[in-house]
């Protein structure tokens, strides 16, 4: 009788281990309207699912969008518990910064450089305290001119430099969209157009932009252990 009980417990443990090993990693994409649109048809999150499927990894990842239009880093902080922590993700991809800079000119609001870093750090530390892995993204573009002549290129570069440094010093994976976009535009924007290459309106992604971001993010995400 004891042998049967022992055997049953062994078999049960093997089955439970199988469920644990096969559990999908829940990835939440936390951001603004770019991420909100990214969760819709043709958006970068949905296109990333196609890339995952093409590599036969569909059983390994569950992708969830948590973007809200107009959000800045302070907004992400305020909804962190409700929209992220309560969902118990394994990985969170933070893609924020465009509105923190853009809204300074667009609406007279925005987030100053020091405050941006302070709120960003608190978000990361709260995620890490919940044993959630964090992937950082630098902001992409506010205008697609390739020669740093877009009005807010200087601030984009400054905030992106801080994010790169923060990722490096905290040993966090970083999707450097700022550099990726700049390199693409240098190679593919001979007329120095302001929009229409990867964005529809200088900020939000067009079809090609969504494909570009999906590929850039997946390249880093796939190797995140």
Protein backbone atom coordinates (compact mmCIF):
# COMPACT_ATOMS: atom_id res chain seq x y z
CA UNK A 1 0.00 0.00 0.00
CA UNK A 2 2.83 2.38 0.92
CA UNK A 3 4.50 1.66 -2.43
CA UNK A 4 1.32 2.65 -4.28
CA UNK A 5 1.02 5.86 -2.27
CA UNK A 6 4.65 6.69 -2.94
CA UNK A 7 4.22 5.94 -6.64
CA UNK A 8 1.07 8.07 -6.81
CA UNK A 9 2.83 10.99 -5.14
CA UNK A 10 5.75 10.65 -7.55
CA UNK A 11 3.47 10.61 -10.58
CA UNK A 12 1.53 13.61 -9.25
CA UNK A 13 4.74 15.57 -8.68
CA UNK A 14 5.88 14.81 -12.24
CA UNK A 15 2.55 16.04 -13.62
CA UNK A 16 2.71 19.22 -11.52
CA UNK A 17 6.28 19.84 -12.65
CA UNK A 18 5.12 19.49 -16.24
CA UNK A 19 2.47 22.15 -15.70
CA UNK A 20 5.06 24.44 -14.10
CA UNK A 21 7.56 23.94 -16.90
CA UNK A 22 4.93 24.60 -19.57
CA UNK A 23 3.54 27.75 -17.94
CA UNK A 24 3.57 30.66 -20.34
CA UNK A 25 5.52 33.76 -19.41
CA UNK A 26 3.05 36.62 -19.11
CA UNK A 27 4.54 39.77 -20.62
CA UNK A 28 2.80 43.09 -19.98
CA UNK A 29 3.63 46.05 -22.22
CA UNK A 30 3.24 49.14 -20.06
CA UNK A 31 3.02 52.49 -21.79
CA UNK A 32 1.07 55.19 -23.61
CA UNK A 33 -0.96 55.43 -26.84
CA UNK A 34 1.80 53.78 -28.88
CA UNK A 35 1.38 50.69 -26.73
CA UNK A 36 -2.42 51.05 -26.63
CA UNK A 37 -2.44 51.00 -30.43
CA UNK A 38 0.19 48.27 -30.36
CA UNK A 39 -2.34 45.93 -28.76
CA UNK A 40 -4.83 46.42 -31.61
CA UNK A 41 -4.99 44.79 -35.03
CA UNK A 42 -1.72 45.35 -36.84
CA UNK A 43 -0.07 46.75 -33.72
CA UNK A 44 3.43 45.82 -32.65
CA UNK A 45 2.25 43.51 -29.86
CA UNK A 46 0.05 41.52 -32.22
CA UNK A 47 2.83 41.42 -34.83
CA UNK A 48 5.23 40.16 -32.17
CA UNK A 49 2.85 37.25 -31.62
CA UNK A 50 3.35 36.38 -35.30
CA UNK A 51 7.12 36.42 -34.80
CA UNK A 52 6.74 34.19 -31.75
CA UNK A 53 4.56 31.78 -33.69
CA UNK A 54 7.06 31.66 -36.55
CA UNK A 55 9.72 30.52 -34.08
CA UNK A 56 7.40 27.89 -32.54
CA UNK A 57 7.37 29.67 -29.18
CA UNK A 58 3.63 30.38 -28.89
CA UNK A 59 3.39 28.12 -25.85
CA UNK A 60 6.10 30.08 -24.07
CA UNK A 61 4.71 33.64 -24.10
CA UNK A 62 1.45 35.46 -23.39
CA UNK A 63 1.52 39.10 -24.49
CA UNK A 64 -0.74 41.67 -22.80
CA UNK A 65 -1.10 45.34 -23.67
CA UNK A 66 -1.45 47.94 -20.89
CA UNK A 67 -1.12 51.23 -22.73
CA UNK A 68 -3.28 54.32 -22.25
CA UNK A 69 -3.25 57.34 -24.54
CA UNK A 70 -1.56 60.43 -23.14
CA UNK A 71 0.21 58.60 -20.34
CA UNK A 72 3.46 59.86 -18.88
CA UNK A 73 5.71 58.16 -16.33
CA UNK A 74 3.65 59.63 -13.47
CA UNK A 75 0.49 58.06 -14.90
CA UNK A 76 2.21 54.68 -15.10
CA UNK A 77 3.16 55.00 -11.46
CA UNK A 78 -0.43 55.76 -10.44
CA UNK A 79 -1.89 52.73 -12.23
CA UNK A 80 0.95 50.30 -11.55
CA UNK A 81 -0.95 48.27 -8.96
CA UNK A 82 -4.23 48.01 -10.87
CA UNK A 83 -2.96 47.46 -14.39
CA UNK A 84 0.27 45.53 -13.78
CA UNK A 85 0.99 44.15 -10.31
CA UNK A 86 -2.52 42.74 -9.85
CA UNK A 87 -2.11 40.78 -13.12
CA UNK A 88 0.97 38.94 -11.80
CA UNK A 89 3.15 39.17 -14.91
CA UNK A 90 6.53 37.49 -15.28
CA UNK A 91 7.97 40.31 -17.40
CA UNK A 92 7.05 43.98 -17.85
CA UNK A 93 8.19 46.01 -20.84
CA UNK A 94 8.19 49.72 -19.98
CA UNK A 95 7.81 51.92 -23.05
CA UNK A 96 7.25 55.50 -21.90
CA UNK A 97 8.83 58.92 -22.36
CA UNK A 98 7.37 60.32 -25.56
CA UNK A 99 4.56 62.24 -23.81
CA UNK A 100 6.85 63.30 -20.98
CA UNK A 101 8.81 65.24 -23.62
CA UNK A 102 6.27 65.90 -26.40
CA UNK A 103 3.63 67.41 -24.10
CA UNK A 104 6.03 70.13 -23.01
CA UNK A 105 5.50 71.70 -26.43
CA UNK A 106 2.12 70.20 -27.29
CA UNK A 107 0.20 71.06 -24.13
CA UNK A 108 2.55 72.92 -21.82
CA UNK A 109 2.81 69.90 -19.55
CA UNK A 110 5.25 66.98 -19.61
CA UNK A 111 7.73 65.68 -17.05
CA UNK A 112 11.04 67.32 -16.24
CA UNK A 113 14.22 65.29 -16.50
CA UNK A 114 14.87 64.71 -12.79
CA UNK A 115 11.25 63.86 -11.98
CA UNK A 116 11.13 61.42 -14.90
CA UNK A 117 14.07 59.48 -13.50
CA UNK A 118 12.71 59.45 -9.96
CA UNK A 119 9.31 58.06 -10.94
CA UNK A 120 10.84 55.60 -13.39
CA UNK A 121 13.12 54.21 -10.69
CA UNK A 122 10.24 53.74 -8.24
CA UNK A 123 8.24 51.82 -10.85
CA UNK A 124 11.16 49.51 -11.57
CA UNK A 125 11.87 48.89 -7.88
CA UNK A 126 8.23 48.04 -7.17
CA UNK A 127 8.20 45.56 -10.05
CA UNK A 128 11.44 43.97 -8.91
CA UNK A 129 10.12 43.71 -5.35
CA UNK A 130 7.34 41.54 -6.79
CA UNK A 131 9.95 39.34 -8.55
CA UNK A 132 8.95 40.68 -11.96
CA UNK A 133 11.60 41.03 -14.65
CA UNK A 134 11.80 44.46 -16.26
CA UNK A 135 12.70 45.36 -19.83
CA UNK A 136 13.38 49.03 -20.60
CA UNK A 137 12.71 50.84 -23.88
CA UNK A 138 14.11 54.20 -24.92
CA UNK A 139 11.60 56.60 -26.56
CA UNK A 140 11.71 56.56 -30.35
CA UNK A 141 10.95 59.81 -32.21
CA UNK A 142 9.00 63.05 -32.19
CA UNK A 143 9.62 63.78 -35.85
CA UNK A 144 11.55 61.65 -38.32
CA UNK A 145 14.14 64.06 -39.68
CA UNK A 146 17.44 62.19 -39.68
CA UNK A 147 19.80 65.05 -38.80
CA UNK A 148 18.68 65.86 -35.23
CA UNK A 149 16.76 68.90 -36.49
CA UNK A 150 13.40 67.83 -35.03
CA UNK A 151 12.43 70.34 -32.35
CA UNK A 152 12.68 67.94 -29.40
CA UNK A 153 15.53 65.69 -30.51
CA UNK A 154 17.80 67.12 -27.83
CA UNK A 155 15.47 66.14 -25.00
CA UNK A 156 14.79 62.73 -26.56
CA UNK A 157 18.52 62.09 -26.66
CA UNK A 158 18.94 63.26 -23.06
CA UNK A 159 16.16 61.08 -21.65
CA UNK A 160 17.33 58.13 -23.77
CA UNK A 161 20.89 58.52 -22.49
CA UNK A 162 19.59 58.37 -18.93
CA UNK A 163 17.55 55.22 -19.69
CA UNK A 164 20.57 53.52 -21.28
CA UNK A 165 22.69 54.39 -18.25
CA UNK A 166 19.95 53.26 -15.84
CA UNK A 167 19.54 49.95 -17.68
CA UNK A 168 23.30 49.34 -17.68
CA UNK A 169 23.89 50.21 -14.03
CA UNK A 170 20.92 48.10 -12.92
CA UNK A 171 21.73 45.24 -15.30
CA UNK A 172 18.38 45.47 -17.09
CA UNK A 173 17.74 44.55 -20.73
CA UNK A 174 17.19 47.60 -22.90
CA UNK A 175 15.44 47.91 -26.26
CA UNK A 176 17.17 51.00 -27.62
CA UNK A 177 14.42 52.18 -29.95
CA UNK A 178 15.92 55.67 -30.07
CA UNK A 179 19.12 54.37 -31.65
CA UNK A 180 17.28 51.84 -33.82
CA UNK A 181 14.99 54.53 -35.24
CA UNK A 182 17.83 56.98 -35.80
CA UNK A 183 19.91 54.42 -37.66
CA UNK A 184 16.94 53.41 -39.81
CA UNK A 185 16.12 57.02 -40.70
CA UNK A 186 19.74 57.85 -41.58
CA UNK A 187 19.69 54.93 -44.02
CA UNK A 188 16.16 55.32 -45.38
CA UNK A 189 15.14 58.99 -45.27
CA UNK A 190 17.17 60.68 -48.05
CA UNK A 191 14.73 63.60 -48.33
CA UNK A 192 14.79 64.20 -44.55
CA UNK A 193 11.01 63.90 -44.31
CA UNK A 194 9.34 64.74 -41.00
CA UNK A 195 6.98 61.75 -41.02
CA UNK A 196 5.80 58.83 -43.13
CA UNK A 197 8.76 56.47 -42.74
CA UNK A 198 7.94 54.66 -39.49
CA UNK A 199 5.27 57.00 -38.14
CA UNK A 200 2.00 58.42 -39.44
CA UNK A 201 2.17 61.73 -37.57
CA UNK A 202 5.78 62.11 -36.33
CA UNK A 203 5.03 59.99 -33.22
CA UNK A 204 2.54 57.15 -33.67
CA UNK A 205 3.62 54.09 -35.60
CA UNK A 206 2.43 53.28 -39.11
CA UNK A 207 2.35 49.70 -40.41
CA UNK A 208 6.08 49.61 -41.09
CA UNK A 209 6.82 51.20 -37.74
CA UNK A 210 4.82 48.56 -35.92
CA UNK A 211 6.75 45.83 -37.73
CA UNK A 212 10.01 47.58 -36.87
CA UNK A 213 9.21 47.88 -33.15
CA UNK A 214 7.92 44.30 -32.98
CA UNK A 215 11.21 43.00 -34.41
CA UNK A 216 13.34 45.22 -32.14
CA UNK A 217 11.49 44.18 -28.99
CA UNK A 218 11.31 40.49 -29.85
CA UNK A 219 15.06 40.35 -30.47
CA UNK A 220 15.63 41.27 -26.80
CA UNK A 221 12.59 39.60 -25.23
CA UNK A 222 13.27 36.16 -26.72
CA UNK A 223 16.58 35.90 -24.87
CA UNK A 224 15.31 37.18 -21.53
CA UNK A 225 15.71 34.39 -18.98
